[in-house]
Amino acid sequence: MLGVGFLYGLIPTAVAYLLYYMGVQKIKETSKVPVISSVETLVSVSCGVLLLGETLGIVNILGIGLVLSSIALMNYKKKEKKYASN
């Protein structure tokens, strides 16, 4: 019985990480990988609040705001100024 439980835990975990690494390989800019993978934390917090009825404290809300702002800053593209040549 313990072996069956072990397999039920191992197989979904292995498949999830395999799919995760296959997705990460498609990202061209490696500096974006940690920020994009931090979305996983936001999804797990959202599931905990919505599905399990967990409560969030002020520190948790500030942390979520920081993660969201880092994702927004990462996707912000600065407009390049074109200078007239002399």
PDB file of N, CA and C in Angstrom:
ATOM      1  N   MET A   1       0.826  -1.198   0.000  1.00  0.00           N
ATOM      2  CA  MET A   1       0.000   0.000   0.000  1.00  0.00           C
ATOM      3  C   MET A   1       0.871   1.263   0.000  1.00  0.00           C
ATOM      4  N   LEU A   2       1.959   1.238   0.719  1.00  0.00           N
ATOM      5  CA  LEU A   2       2.855   2.385   0.769  1.00  0.00           C
ATOM      6  C   LEU A   2       3.497   2.628  -0.601  1.00  0.00           C
ATOM      7  N   GLY A   3       3.798   1.547  -1.318  1.00  0.00           N
ATOM      8  CA  GLY A   3       4.392   1.670  -2.646  1.00  0.00           C
ATOM      9  C   GLY A   3       3.446   2.330  -3.635  1.00  0.00           C
ATOM     10  N   VAL A   4       2.159   2.012  -3.545  1.00  0.00           N
ATOM     11  CA  VAL A   4       1.165   2.612  -4.433  1.00  0.00           C
ATOM     12  C   VAL A   4       1.052   4.111  -4.143  1.00  0.00           C
ATOM     13  N   GLY A   5       1.042   4.469  -2.870  1.00  0.00           N
ATOM     14  CA  GLY A   5       0.996   5.878  -2.493  1.00  0.00           C
ATOM     15  C   GLY A   5       2.229   6.624  -2.978  1.00  0.00           C
ATOM     16  N   PHE A   6       3.372   5.962  -2.906  1.00  0.00           N
ATOM     17  CA  PHE A   6       4.619   6.558  -3.388  1.00  0.00           C
ATOM     18  C   PHE A   6       4.538   6.822  -4.890  1.00  0.00           C
ATOM     19  N   LEU A   7       4.008   5.865  -5.652  1.00  0.00           N
ATOM     20  CA  LEU A   7       3.881   6.045  -7.093  1.00  0.00           C
ATOM     21  C   LEU A   7       2.877   7.140  -7.446  1.00  0.00           C
ATOM     22  N   TYR A   8       1.781   7.226  -6.685  1.00  0.00           N
ATOM     23  CA  TYR A   8       0.806   8.285  -6.924  1.00  0.00           C
ATOM     24  C   TYR A   8       1.413   9.667  -6.677  1.00  0.00           C
ATOM     25  N   GLY A   9       2.377   9.761  -5.798  1.00  0.00           N
ATOM     26  CA  GLY A   9       3.054  11.030  -5.560  1.00  0.00           C
ATOM     27  C   GLY A   9       4.177  11.280  -6.551  1.00  0.00           C
ATOM     28  N   LEU A  10       4.880  10.224  -6.944  1.00  0.00           N
ATOM     29  CA  LEU A  10       6.048  10.368  -7.818  1.00  0.00           C
ATOM     30  C   LEU A  10       5.667  10.684  -9.256  1.00  0.00           C
ATOM     31  N   ILE A  11       4.710   9.974  -9.798  1.00  0.00           N
ATOM     32  CA  ILE A  11       4.371  10.135 -11.214  1.00  0.00           C
ATOM     33  C   ILE A  11       3.827  11.531 -11.521  1.00  0.00           C
ATOM     34  N   PRO A  12       2.839  12.063 -10.790  1.00  0.00           N
ATOM     35  CA  PRO A  12       2.386  13.428 -11.111  1.00  0.00           C
ATOM     36  C   PRO A  12       3.468  14.483 -10.907  1.00  0.00           C
ATOM     37  N   THR A  13       4.313  14.284  -9.900  1.00  0.00           N
ATOM     38  CA  THR A  13       5.394  15.245  -9.657  1.00  0.00           C
ATOM     39  C   THR A  13       6.396  15.224 -10.799  1.00  0.00           C
ATOM     40  N   ALA A  14       6.765  14.038 -11.242  1.00  0.00           N
ATOM     41  CA  ALA A  14       7.729  13.914 -12.336  1.00  0.00           C
ATOM     42  C   ALA A  14       7.164  14.498 -13.625  1.00  0.00           C
ATOM     43  N   VAL A  15       5.908  14.237 -13.912  1.00  0.00           N
ATOM     44  CA  VAL A  15       5.282  14.773 -15.128  1.00  0.00           C
ATOM     45  C   VAL A  15       5.203  16.301 -15.050  1.00  0.00           C
ATOM     46  N   ALA A  16       4.850  16.828 -13.883  1.00  0.00           N
ATOM     47  CA  ALA A  16       4.749  18.285 -13.726  1.00  0.00           C
ATOM     48  C   ALA A  16       6.106  18.951 -13.942  1.00  0.00           C
ATOM     49  N   TYR A  17       7.161  18.410 -13.354  1.00  0.00           N
ATOM     50  CA  TYR A  17       8.482  19.012 -13.539  1.00  0.00           C
ATOM     51  C   TYR A  17       8.989  18.844 -14.959  1.00  0.00           C
ATOM     52  N   LEU A  18       8.664  17.739 -15.590  1.00  0.00           N
ATOM     53  CA  LEU A  18       9.060  17.540 -16.979  1.00  0.00           C
ATOM     54  C   LEU A  18       8.406  18.587 -17.870  1.00  0.00           C
ATOM     55  N   LEU A  19       7.116  18.808 -17.686  1.00  0.00           N
ATOM     56  CA  LEU A  19       6.424  19.833 -18.465  1.00  0.00           C
ATOM     57  C   LEU A  19       6.948  21.231 -18.149  1.00  0.00           C
ATOM     58  N   TYR A  20       7.274  21.471 -16.878  1.00  0.00           N
ATOM     59  CA  TYR A  20       7.817  22.768 -16.470  1.00  0.00           C
ATOM     60  C   TYR A  20       9.144  23.040 -17.187  1.00  0.00           C
ATOM     61  N   TYR A  21      10.041  22.069 -17.176  1.00  0.00           N
ATOM     62  CA  TYR A  21      11.348  22.270 -17.807  1.00  0.00           C
ATOM     63  C   TYR A  21      11.233  22.371 -19.326  1.00  0.00           C
ATOM     64  N   MET A  22      10.294  21.660 -19.915  1.00  0.00           N
ATOM     65  CA  MET A  22      10.081  21.797 -21.353  1.00  0.00           C
ATOM     66  C   MET A  22       9.586  23.208 -21.683  1.00  0.00           C
ATOM     67  N   GLY A  23       8.743  23.764 -20.832  1.00  0.00           N
ATOM     68  CA  GLY A  23       8.265  25.121 -21.043  1.00  0.00           C
ATOM     69  C   GLY A  23       9.355  26.159 -20.843  1.00  0.00           C
ATOM     70  N   VAL A  24      10.204  25.949 -19.849  1.00  0.00           N
ATOM     71  CA  VAL A  24      11.292  26.892 -19.562  1.00  0.00           C
ATOM     72  C   VAL A  24      12.297  26.923 -20.710  1.00  0.00           C
ATOM     73  N   GLN A  25      12.489  25.802 -21.361  1.00  0.00           N
ATOM     74  CA  GLN A  25      13.437  25.762 -22.475  1.00  0.00           C
ATOM     75  C   GLN A  25      12.985  26.622 -23.646  1.00  0.00           C
ATOM     76  N   LYS A  26      11.709  26.912 -23.741  1.00  0.00           N
ATOM     77  CA  LYS A  26      11.186  27.718 -24.844  1.00  0.00           C
ATOM     78  C   LYS A  26      11.357  29.219 -24.609  1.00  0.00           C
ATOM     79  N   ILE A  27      11.723  29.617 -23.401  1.00  0.00           N
ATOM     80  CA  ILE A  27      11.924  31.032 -23.096  1.00  0.00           C
ATOM     81  C   ILE A  27      13.314  31.433 -23.573  1.00  0.00           C
ATOM     82  N   LYS A  28      13.363  32.447 -24.388  1.00  0.00           N
ATOM     83  CA  LYS A  28      14.636  32.854 -24.991  1.00  0.00           C
ATOM     84  C   LYS A  28      15.508  33.660 -24.029  1.00  0.00           C
ATOM     85  N   GLU A  29      14.909  34.516 -23.226  1.00  0.00           N
ATOM     86  CA  GLU A  29      15.681  35.327 -22.282  1.00  0.00           C
ATOM     87  C   GLU A  29      15.697  34.621 -20.933  1.00  0.00           C
ATOM     88  N   THR A  30      16.856  34.137 -20.533  1.00  0.00           N
ATOM     89  CA  THR A  30      16.946  33.376 -19.285  1.00  0.00           C
ATOM     90  C   THR A  30      16.726  34.241 -18.053  1.00  0.00           C
ATOM     91  N   SER A  31      16.877  35.543 -18.167  1.00  0.00           N
ATOM     92  CA  SER A  31      16.660  36.402 -17.009  1.00  0.00           C
ATOM     93  C   SER A  31      15.187  36.467 -16.621  1.00  0.00           C
ATOM     94  N   LYS A  32      14.296  36.101 -17.528  1.00  0.00           N
ATOM     95  CA  LYS A  32      12.865  36.150 -17.246  1.00  0.00           C
ATOM     96  C   LYS A  32      12.360  34.894 -16.538  1.00  0.00           C
ATOM     97  N   VAL A  33      13.111  33.818 -16.559  1.00  0.00           N
ATOM     98  CA  VAL A  33      12.645  32.539 -16.014  1.00  0.00           C
ATOM     99  C   VAL A  33      12.277  32.629 -14.534  1.00  0.00           C
ATOM    100  N   PRO A  34      13.114  33.189 -13.649  1.00  0.00           N
ATOM    101  CA  PRO A  34      12.730  33.223 -12.239  1.00  0.00           C
ATOM    102  C   PRO A  34      11.472  34.039 -11.967  1.00  0.00           C
ATOM    103  N   VAL A  35      11.300  35.132 -12.690  1.00  0.00           N
ATOM    104  CA  VAL A  35      10.129  35.973 -12.462  1.00  0.00           C
ATOM    105  C   VAL A  35       8.867  35.273 -12.957  1.00  0.00           C
ATOM    106  N   ILE A  36       8.963  34.639 -14.106  1.00  0.00           N
ATOM    107  CA  ILE A  36       7.808  33.921 -14.643  1.00  0.00           C
ATOM    108  C   ILE A  36       7.460  32.731 -13.759  1.00  0.00           C
ATOM    109  N   SER A  37       8.465  32.045 -13.243  1.00  0.00           N
ATOM    110  CA  SER A  37       8.176  30.895 -12.382  1.00  0.00           C
ATOM    111  C   SER A  37       7.602  31.326 -11.028  1.00  0.00           C
ATOM    112  N   SER A  38       7.772  32.579 -10.659  1.00  0.00           N
ATOM    113  CA  SER A  38       7.182  33.045  -9.407  1.00  0.00           C
ATOM    114  C   SER A  38       5.663  33.174  -9.506  1.00  0.00           C
ATOM    115  N   VAL A  39       5.133  33.115 -10.707  1.00  0.00           N
ATOM    116  CA  VAL A  39       3.680  33.112 -10.886  1.00  0.00           C
ATOM    117  C   VAL A  39       3.086  31.866 -10.234  1.00  0.00           C
ATOM    118  N   GLU A  40       3.858  30.794 -10.185  1.00  0.00           N
ATOM    119  CA  GLU A  40       3.412  29.562  -9.522  1.00  0.00           C
ATOM    120  C   GLU A  40       3.008  29.840  -8.078  1.00  0.00           C
ATOM    121  N   THR A  41       3.764  30.666  -7.399  1.00  0.00           N
ATOM    122  CA  THR A  41       3.453  31.020  -6.019  1.00  0.00           C
ATOM    123  C   THR A  41       2.136  31.788  -5.933  1.00  0.00           C
ATOM    124  N   LEU A  42       1.926  32.701  -6.862  1.00  0.00           N
ATOM    125  CA  LEU A  42       0.678  33.470  -6.868  1.00  0.00           C
ATOM    126  C   LEU A  42      -0.533  32.568  -7.115  1.00  0.00           C
ATOM    127  N   VAL A  43      -0.367  31.608  -8.003  1.00  0.00           N
ATOM    128  CA  VAL A  43      -1.469  30.684  -8.282  1.00  0.00           C
ATOM    129  C   VAL A  43      -1.766  29.822  -7.064  1.00  0.00           C
ATOM    130  N   SER A  44      -0.732  29.354  -6.385  1.00  0.00           N
ATOM    131  CA  SER A  44      -0.966  28.514  -5.206  1.00  0.00           C
ATOM    132  C   SER A  44      -1.614  29.314  -4.074  1.00  0.00           C
ATOM    133  N   VAL A  45      -1.227  30.565  -3.908  1.00  0.00           N
ATOM    134  CA  VAL A  45      -1.859  31.414  -2.896  1.00  0.00           C
ATOM    135  C   VAL A  45      -3.319  31.664  -3.258  1.00  0.00           C
ATOM    136  N   SER A  46      -3.569  31.940  -4.535  1.00  0.00           N
ATOM    137  CA  SER A  46      -4.949  32.175  -4.982  1.00  0.00           C
ATOM    138  C   SER A  46      -5.815  30.942  -4.764  1.00  0.00           C
ATOM    139  N   CYS A  47      -5.284  29.759  -5.069  1.00  0.00           N
ATOM    140  CA  CYS A  47      -6.036  28.517  -4.848  1.00  0.00           C
ATOM    141  C   CYS A  47      -6.299  28.307  -3.362  1.00  0.00           C
ATOM    142  N   GLY A  48      -5.320  28.617  -2.526  1.00  0.00           N
ATOM    143  CA  GLY A  48      -5.512  28.480  -1.087  1.00  0.00           C
ATOM    144  C   GLY A  48      -6.595  29.391  -0.557  1.00  0.00           C
ATOM    145  N   VAL A  49      -6.631  30.620  -1.075  1.00  0.00           N
ATOM    146  CA  VAL A  49      -7.643  31.579  -0.621  1.00  0.00           C
ATOM    147  C   VAL A  49      -9.022  31.209  -1.161  1.00  0.00           C
ATOM    148  N   LEU A  50      -9.090  30.916  -2.458  1.00  0.00           N
ATOM    149  CA  LEU A  50     -10.390  30.674  -3.088  1.00  0.00           C
ATOM    150  C   LEU A  50     -10.976  29.305  -2.767  1.00  0.00           C
ATOM    151  N   LEU A  51     -10.136  28.280  -2.765  1.00  0.00           N
ATOM    152  CA  LEU A  51     -10.643  26.923  -2.591  1.00  0.00           C
ATOM    153  C   LEU A  51     -10.647  26.448  -1.142  1.00  0.00           C
ATOM    154  N   LEU A  52      -9.649  26.884  -0.377  1.00  0.00           N
ATOM    155  CA  LEU A  52      -9.513  26.388   0.992  1.00  0.00           C
ATOM    156  C   LEU A  52      -9.926  27.399   2.051  1.00  0.00           C
ATOM    157  N   GLY A  53     -10.234  28.616   1.631  1.00  0.00           N
ATOM    158  CA  GLY A  53     -10.696  29.628   2.576  1.00  0.00           C
ATOM    159  C   GLY A  53      -9.615  30.180   3.490  1.00  0.00           C
ATOM    160  N   GLU A  54      -8.366  30.145   3.064  1.00  0.00           N
ATOM    161  CA  GLU A  54      -7.284  30.703   3.863  1.00  0.00           C
ATOM    162  C   GLU A  54      -7.371  32.226   3.863  1.00  0.00           C
ATOM    163  N   THR A  55      -6.808  32.830   4.901  1.00  0.00           N
ATOM    164  CA  THR A  55      -6.809  34.293   4.983  1.00  0.00           C
ATOM    165  C   THR A  55      -5.406  34.820   4.712  1.00  0.00           C
ATOM    166  N   LEU A  56      -5.356  36.027   4.188  1.00  0.00           N
ATOM    167  CA  LEU A  56      -4.079  36.665   3.885  1.00  0.00           C
ATOM    168  C   LEU A  56      -3.833  37.812   4.854  1.00  0.00           C
ATOM    169  N   GLY A  57      -2.596  37.920   5.303  1.00  0.00           N
ATOM    170  CA  GLY A  57      -2.198  39.032   6.136  1.00  0.00           C
ATOM    171  C   GLY A  57      -1.627  40.151   5.278  1.00  0.00           C
ATOM    172  N   ILE A  58      -1.288  41.253   5.893  1.00  0.00           N
ATOM    173  CA  ILE A  58      -0.754  42.409   5.170  1.00  0.00           C
ATOM    174  C   ILE A  58       0.588  42.078   4.518  1.00  0.00           C
ATOM    175  N   VAL A  59       1.403  41.268   5.185  1.00  0.00           N
ATOM    176  CA  VAL A  59       2.705  40.897   4.630  1.00  0.00           C
ATOM    177  C   VAL A  59       2.512  40.038   3.380  1.00  0.00           C
ATOM    178  N   ASN A  60       1.536  39.133   3.417  1.00  0.00           N
ATOM    179  CA  ASN A  60       1.251  38.306   2.252  1.00  0.00           C
ATOM    180  C   ASN A  60       0.788  39.147   1.071  1.00  0.00           C
ATOM    181  N   ILE A  61      -0.066  40.103   1.337  1.00  0.00           N
ATOM    182  CA  ILE A  61      -0.586  40.968   0.275  1.00  0.00           C
ATOM    183  C   ILE A  61       0.537  41.834  -0.302  1.00  0.00           C
ATOM    184  N   LEU A  62       1.422  42.341   0.554  1.00  0.00           N
ATOM    185  CA  LEU A  62       2.569  43.116   0.067  1.00  0.00           C
ATOM    186  C   LEU A  62       3.484  42.258  -0.799  1.00  0.00           C
ATOM    187  N   GLY A  63       3.701  41.014  -0.398  1.00  0.00           N
ATOM    188  CA  GLY A  63       4.536  40.103  -1.184  1.00  0.00           C
ATOM    189  C   GLY A  63       3.941  39.823  -2.547  1.00  0.00           C
ATOM    190  N   ILE A  64       2.642  39.612  -2.585  1.00  0.00           N
ATOM    191  CA  ILE A  64       1.966  39.385  -3.867  1.00  0.00           C
ATOM    192  C   ILE A  64       2.084  40.624  -4.753  1.00  0.00           C
ATOM    193  N   GLY A  65       1.935  41.790  -4.154  1.00  0.00           N
ATOM    194  CA  GLY A  65       2.091  43.034  -4.907  1.00  0.00           C
ATOM    195  C   GLY A  65       3.493  43.194  -5.473  1.00  0.00           C
ATOM    196  N   LEU A  66       4.504  42.815  -4.695  1.00  0.00           N
ATOM    197  CA  LEU A  66       5.880  42.905  -5.183  1.00  0.00           C
ATOM    198  C   LEU A  66       6.132  41.955  -6.343  1.00  0.00           C
ATOM    199  N   VAL A  67       5.595  40.755  -6.258  1.00  0.00           N
ATOM    200  CA  VAL A  67       5.770  39.797  -7.350  1.00  0.00           C
ATOM    201  C   VAL A  67       5.074  40.288  -8.607  1.00  0.00           C
ATOM    202  N   LEU A  68       3.846  40.784  -8.460  1.00  0.00           N
ATOM    203  CA  LEU A  68       3.125  41.301  -9.620  1.00  0.00           C
ATOM    204  C   LEU A  68       3.825  42.512 -10.230  1.00  0.00           C
ATOM    205  N   SER A  69       4.358  43.384  -9.380  1.00  0.00           N
ATOM    206  CA  SER A  69       5.058  44.556  -9.916  1.00  0.00           C
ATOM    207  C   SER A  69       6.358  44.161 -10.608  1.00  0.00           C
ATOM    208  N   SER A  70       7.041  43.141 -10.116  1.00  0.00           N
ATOM    209  CA  SER A  70       8.269  42.693 -10.791  1.00  0.00           C
ATOM    210  C   SER A  70       7.946  42.094 -12.156  1.00  0.00           C
ATOM    211  N   ILE A  71       6.823  41.384 -12.256  1.00  0.00           N
ATOM    212  CA  ILE A  71       6.416  40.845 -13.554  1.00  0.00           C
ATOM    213  C   ILE A  71       6.065  41.987 -14.503  1.00  0.00           C
ATOM    214  N   ALA A  72       5.369  42.999 -13.998  1.00  0.00           N
ATOM    215  CA  ALA A  72       5.007  44.146 -14.836  1.00  0.00           C
ATOM    216  C   ALA A  72       6.250  44.907 -15.288  1.00  0.00           C
ATOM    217  N   LEU A  73       7.207  45.110 -14.384  1.00  0.00           N
ATOM    218  CA  LEU A  73       8.441  45.813 -14.747  1.00  0.00           C
ATOM    219  C   LEU A  73       9.256  45.025 -15.761  1.00  0.00           C
ATOM    220  N   MET A  74       9.229  43.708 -15.651  1.00  0.00           N
ATOM    221  CA  MET A  74       9.981  42.879 -16.575  1.00  0.00           C
ATOM    222  C   MET A  74       9.402  42.984 -17.991  1.00  0.00           C
ATOM    223  N   ASN A  75       8.106  43.152 -18.089  1.00  0.00           N
ATOM    224  CA  ASN A  75       7.459  43.215 -19.391  1.00  0.00           C
ATOM    225  C   ASN A  75       7.364  44.633 -19.949  1.00  0.00           C
ATOM    226  N   TYR A  76       7.751  45.616 -19.164  1.00  0.00           N
ATOM    227  CA  TYR A  76       7.721  47.005 -19.601  1.00  0.00           C
ATOM    228  C   TYR A  76       8.870  47.257 -20.555  1.00  0.00           C
ATOM    229  N   LYS A  77       8.546  47.782 -21.713  1.00  0.00           N
ATOM    230  CA  LYS A  77       9.587  48.084 -22.694  1.00  0.00           C
ATOM    231  C   LYS A  77       9.733  49.591 -22.791  1.00  0.00           C
ATOM    232  N   LYS A  78      10.938  50.048 -22.571  1.00  0.00           N
ATOM    233  CA  LYS A  78      11.218  51.469 -22.621  1.00  0.00           C
ATOM    234  C   LYS A  78      11.304  51.912 -24.083  1.00  0.00           C
ATOM    235  N   LYS A  79      10.670  53.031 -24.388  1.00  0.00           N
ATOM    236  CA  LYS A  79      10.719  53.550 -25.752  1.00  0.00           C
ATOM    237  C   LYS A  79      12.097  54.133 -26.006  1.00  0.00           C
ATOM    238  N   GLU A  80      12.649  53.761 -27.144  1.00  0.00           N
ATOM    239  CA  GLU A  80      13.967  54.285 -27.494  1.00  0.00           C
ATOM    240  C   GLU A  80      13.810  55.652 -28.155  1.00  0.00           C
ATOM    241  N   LYS A  81      14.633  56.572 -27.712  1.00  0.00           N
ATOM    242  CA  LYS A  81      14.616  57.914 -28.305  1.00  0.00           C
ATOM    243  C   LYS A  81      15.523  57.918 -29.530  1.00  0.00           C
ATOM    244  N   LYS A  82      15.024  58.526 -30.579  1.00  0.00           N
ATOM    245  CA  LYS A  82      15.833  58.639 -31.789  1.00  0.00           C
ATOM    246  C   LYS A  82      16.416  60.055 -31.846  1.00  0.00           C
ATOM    247  N   TYR A  83      17.715  60.097 -31.867  1.00  0.00           N
ATOM    248  CA  TYR A  83      18.393  61.385 -31.907  1.00  0.00           C
ATOM    249  C   TYR A  83      18.781  61.721 -33.349  1.00  0.00           C
ATOM    250  N   ALA A  84      18.629  62.963 -33.691  1.00  0.00           N
ATOM    251  CA  ALA A  84      19.029  63.406 -35.037  1.00  0.00           C
ATOM    252  C   ALA A  84      20.539  63.496 -35.092  1.00  0.00           C
ATOM    253  N   SER A  85      21.103  62.931 -36.123  1.00  0.00           N
ATOM    254  CA  SER A  85      22.568  62.986 -36.261  1.00  0.00           C
ATOM    255  C   SER A  85      22.989  64.340 -36.810  1.00  0.00           C
ATOM    256  N   ASN A  86      24.108  64.831 -36.337  1.00  0.00           N
ATOM    257  CA  ASN A  86      24.600  66.143 -36.761  1.00  0.00           C
ATOM    258  C   ASN A  86      25.346  66.058 -38.025  1.00  0.00           C
TER     259      ASN A  86
END
